[in-house]
Amino acid sequence: VQLQASGGGWVQSGGFRKLSCVASGFHVDTYAIGWFRQAPGKERERVSCVSRSGSAMYAGSVKGRFTISRDNDKKTLYLQLNSLKPEDTAVYYCNAQGTIWGQGTQVTVSS
């Protein structure tokens, strides 16, 4: 089982990106699944996750700006990032069940 994240890149402040995470070996509604991020010099933090039943949660710092979704047929988890800020700059990782990690995708927001 593995996760493959993509969609990162460079974006100006106020811009948007859409991250994708494709699951192999399982369906994205099999486990609780979500996104974490790690900025330089900081600990990894949870950004958003969705439970098996579909309930979503967001960190306070991204609530109202980021939206998590999943497509079970495509085995893909998404994170729509809107109104990006420089402090959103980080490597974004997808995670399933707390133990399965994707390789990370870099998002850089310039001011």
C-alpha atoms as a PDB file:
ATOM      1  CA  VAL A   1       0.000   0.000   0.000  1.00  0.00           C
ATOM      2  CA  GLN A   2       1.281   3.466  -0.755  1.00  0.00           C
ATOM      3  CA  LEU A   3       0.333   7.100  -1.344  1.00  0.00           C
ATOM      4  CA  GLN A   4       1.611   9.355  -4.102  1.00  0.00           C
ATOM      5  CA  ALA A   5       1.173  13.097  -3.617  1.00  0.00           C
ATOM      6  CA  SER A   6       1.434  15.744  -6.317  1.00  0.00           C
ATOM      7  CA  GLY A   7       0.289  19.239  -7.204  1.00  0.00           C
ATOM      8  CA  GLY A   8       2.708  21.380  -5.275  1.00  0.00           C
ATOM      9  CA  GLY A   9       4.543  24.322  -6.744  1.00  0.00           C
ATOM     10  CA  TRP A  10       5.150  28.012  -6.492  1.00  0.00           C
ATOM     11  CA  VAL A  11       2.252  30.440  -6.113  1.00  0.00           C
ATOM     12  CA  GLN A  12       1.833  34.072  -5.194  1.00  0.00           C
ATOM     13  CA  SER A  13       0.140  35.132  -1.991  1.00  0.00           C
ATOM     14  CA  GLY A  14      -3.618  35.024  -2.439  1.00  0.00           C
ATOM     15  CA  GLY A  15      -3.350  32.328  -5.077  1.00  0.00           C
ATOM     16  CA  PHE A  16      -4.486  28.727  -5.079  1.00  0.00           C
ATOM     17  CA  ARG A  17      -3.256  25.180  -5.659  1.00  0.00           C
ATOM     18  CA  LYS A  18      -4.894  21.791  -5.699  1.00  0.00           C
ATOM     19  CA  LEU A  19      -3.001  18.872  -4.228  1.00  0.00           C
ATOM     20  CA  SER A  20      -3.733  15.276  -5.133  1.00  0.00           C
ATOM     21  CA  CYS A  21      -2.835  12.055  -3.390  1.00  0.00           C
ATOM     22  CA  VAL A  22      -3.363   8.770  -5.197  1.00  0.00           C
ATOM     23  CA  ALA A  23      -3.685   5.624  -3.132  1.00  0.00           C
ATOM     24  CA  SER A  24      -2.386   2.265  -4.282  1.00  0.00           C
ATOM     25  CA  GLY A  25      -3.518  -0.949  -2.710  1.00  0.00           C
ATOM     26  CA  PHE A  26      -6.520   0.442  -0.890  1.00  0.00           C
ATOM     27  CA  HIS A  27      -9.486   2.756  -1.330  1.00  0.00           C
ATOM     28  CA  VAL A  28      -9.366   6.230   0.171  1.00  0.00           C
ATOM     29  CA  ASP A  29     -12.496   5.579   2.205  1.00  0.00           C
ATOM     30  CA  THR A  30     -10.943   2.521   3.862  1.00  0.00           C
ATOM     31  CA  TYR A  31      -9.171   4.583   6.511  1.00  0.00           C
ATOM     32  CA  ALA A  32      -9.202   8.028   7.992  1.00  0.00           C
ATOM     33  CA  ILE A  33      -7.039   9.964   5.576  1.00  0.00           C
ATOM     34  CA  GLY A  34      -5.689  13.465   5.447  1.00  0.00           C
ATOM     35  CA  TRP A  35      -2.986  16.030   4.903  1.00  0.00           C
ATOM     36  CA  PHE A  36      -0.102  17.177   7.060  1.00  0.00           C
ATOM     37  CA  ARG A  37       2.524  19.789   6.387  1.00  0.00           C
ATOM     38  CA  GLN A  38       5.985  20.621   7.611  1.00  0.00           C
ATOM     39  CA  ALA A  39       7.542  24.034   7.253  1.00  0.00           C
ATOM     40  CA  PRO A  40      11.307  24.559   7.542  1.00  0.00           C
ATOM     41  CA  GLY A  41      12.403  24.393  11.146  1.00  0.00           C
ATOM     42  CA  LYS A  42       8.951  23.424  12.374  1.00  0.00           C
ATOM     43  CA  GLU A  43       7.267  20.226  13.420  1.00  0.00           C
ATOM     44  CA  ARG A  44       4.905  18.414  11.127  1.00  0.00           C
ATOM     45  CA  GLU A  45       1.315  19.499  11.743  1.00  0.00           C
ATOM     46  CA  ARG A  46      -2.039  18.128  10.715  1.00  0.00           C
ATOM     47  CA  VAL A  47      -3.824  20.336   8.205  1.00  0.00           C
ATOM     48  CA  SER A  48      -6.992  18.457   7.424  1.00  0.00           C
ATOM     49  CA  CYS A  49      -8.385  14.976   7.514  1.00  0.00           C
ATOM     50  CA  VAL A  50     -11.545  13.115   6.630  1.00  0.00           C
ATOM     51  CA  SER A  51     -12.928  10.135   8.503  1.00  0.00           C
ATOM     52  CA  ARG A  52     -14.165   6.930   6.925  1.00  0.00           C
ATOM     53  CA  SER A  53     -17.703   8.271   7.242  1.00  0.00           C
ATOM     54  CA  GLY A  54     -16.747  11.489   5.462  1.00  0.00           C
ATOM     55  CA  SER A  55     -16.524  13.923   8.347  1.00  0.00           C
ATOM     56  CA  ALA A  56     -13.843  16.520   7.718  1.00  0.00           C
ATOM     57  CA  MET A  57     -11.755  18.507  10.149  1.00  0.00           C
ATOM     58  CA  TYR A  58      -9.415  21.423   9.584  1.00  0.00           C
ATOM     59  CA  ALA A  59      -6.679  23.114  11.513  1.00  0.00           C
ATOM     60  CA  GLY A  60      -7.714  26.549  12.657  1.00  0.00           C
ATOM     61  CA  SER A  61      -5.058  28.198  10.519  1.00  0.00           C
ATOM     62  CA  VAL A  62      -6.555  26.857   7.271  1.00  0.00           C
ATOM     63  CA  LYS A  63     -10.260  26.655   8.076  1.00  0.00           C
ATOM     64  CA  GLY A  64     -12.284  28.504   5.485  1.00  0.00           C
ATOM     65  CA  ARG A  65      -9.411  28.506   2.995  1.00  0.00           C
ATOM     66  CA  PHE A  66      -8.623  24.827   2.413  1.00  0.00           C
ATOM     67  CA  THR A  67     -11.054  22.096   1.394  1.00  0.00           C
ATOM     68  CA  ILE A  68     -10.442  18.374   1.609  1.00  0.00           C
ATOM     69  CA  SER A  69     -12.250  15.923  -0.631  1.00  0.00           C
ATOM     70  CA  ARG A  70     -11.874  12.424  -1.942  1.00  0.00           C
ATOM     71  CA  ASP A  71     -12.866  10.487  -5.022  1.00  0.00           C
ATOM     72  CA  ASN A  72     -13.264   6.853  -4.119  1.00  0.00           C
ATOM     73  CA  ASP A  73     -13.497   5.697  -7.728  1.00  0.00           C
ATOM     74  CA  LYS A  74     -10.180   7.364  -8.547  1.00  0.00           C
ATOM     75  CA  LYS A  75      -8.647   6.374  -5.189  1.00  0.00           C
ATOM     76  CA  THR A  76      -7.591   9.984  -4.829  1.00  0.00           C
ATOM     77  CA  LEU A  77      -7.584  12.444  -1.970  1.00  0.00           C
ATOM     78  CA  TYR A  78      -7.525  16.153  -2.740  1.00  0.00           C
ATOM     79  CA  LEU A  79      -6.727  19.328  -0.883  1.00  0.00           C
ATOM     80  CA  GLN A  80      -7.853  22.590  -2.445  1.00  0.00           C
ATOM     81  CA  LEU A  81      -5.737  25.434  -1.130  1.00  0.00           C
ATOM     82  CA  ASN A  82      -7.229  28.910  -1.589  1.00  0.00           C
ATOM     83  CA  SER A  83      -6.199  32.362  -0.395  1.00  0.00           C
ATOM     84  CA  LEU A  84      -2.690  31.110   0.172  1.00  0.00           C
ATOM     85  CA  LYS A  85      -0.373  32.937   2.540  1.00  0.00           C
ATOM     86  CA  PRO A  86       3.426  32.842   2.838  1.00  0.00           C
ATOM     87  CA  GLU A  87       3.010  30.964   6.111  1.00  0.00           C
ATOM     88  CA  ASP A  88       1.389  28.117   4.177  1.00  0.00           C
ATOM     89  CA  THR A  89       4.775  27.388   2.624  1.00  0.00           C
ATOM     90  CA  ALA A  90       5.644  23.808   3.544  1.00  0.00           C
ATOM     91  CA  VAL A  91       6.025  20.282   2.313  1.00  0.00           C
ATOM     92  CA  TYR A  92       2.570  18.748   2.267  1.00  0.00           C
ATOM     93  CA  TYR A  93       2.161  15.053   3.013  1.00  0.00           C
ATOM     94  CA  CYS A  94      -0.836  12.804   2.715  1.00  0.00           C
ATOM     95  CA  ASN A  95      -1.392  10.194   5.349  1.00  0.00           C
ATOM     96  CA  ALA A  96      -3.735   7.282   5.866  1.00  0.00           C
ATOM     97  CA  GLN A  97      -4.487   5.520   9.100  1.00  0.00           C
ATOM     98  CA  GLY A  98      -1.741   7.451  10.801  1.00  0.00           C
ATOM     99  CA  THR A  99       0.885   5.108   9.450  1.00  0.00           C
ATOM    100  CA  ILE A 100       0.882   5.277   5.662  1.00  0.00           C
ATOM    101  CA  TRP A 101       2.712   8.349   4.347  1.00  0.00           C
ATOM    102  CA  GLY A 102       3.075   9.811   0.904  1.00  0.00           C
ATOM    103  CA  GLN A 103       6.376  11.306  -0.207  1.00  0.00           C
ATOM    104  CA  GLY A 104       5.398  14.955   0.147  1.00  0.00           C
ATOM    105  CA  THR A 105       4.907  17.798  -2.295  1.00  0.00           C
ATOM    106  CA  GLN A 106       6.372  21.273  -1.811  1.00  0.00           C
ATOM    107  CA  VAL A 107       4.125  24.330  -1.785  1.00  0.00           C
ATOM    108  CA  THR A 108       5.878  27.693  -1.825  1.00  0.00           C
ATOM    109  CA  VAL A 109       3.876  30.889  -1.401  1.00  0.00           C
ATOM    110  CA  SER A 110       5.635  34.140  -2.169  1.00  0.00           C
ATOM    111  CA  SER A 111       4.567  37.461  -0.707  1.00  0.00           C
END
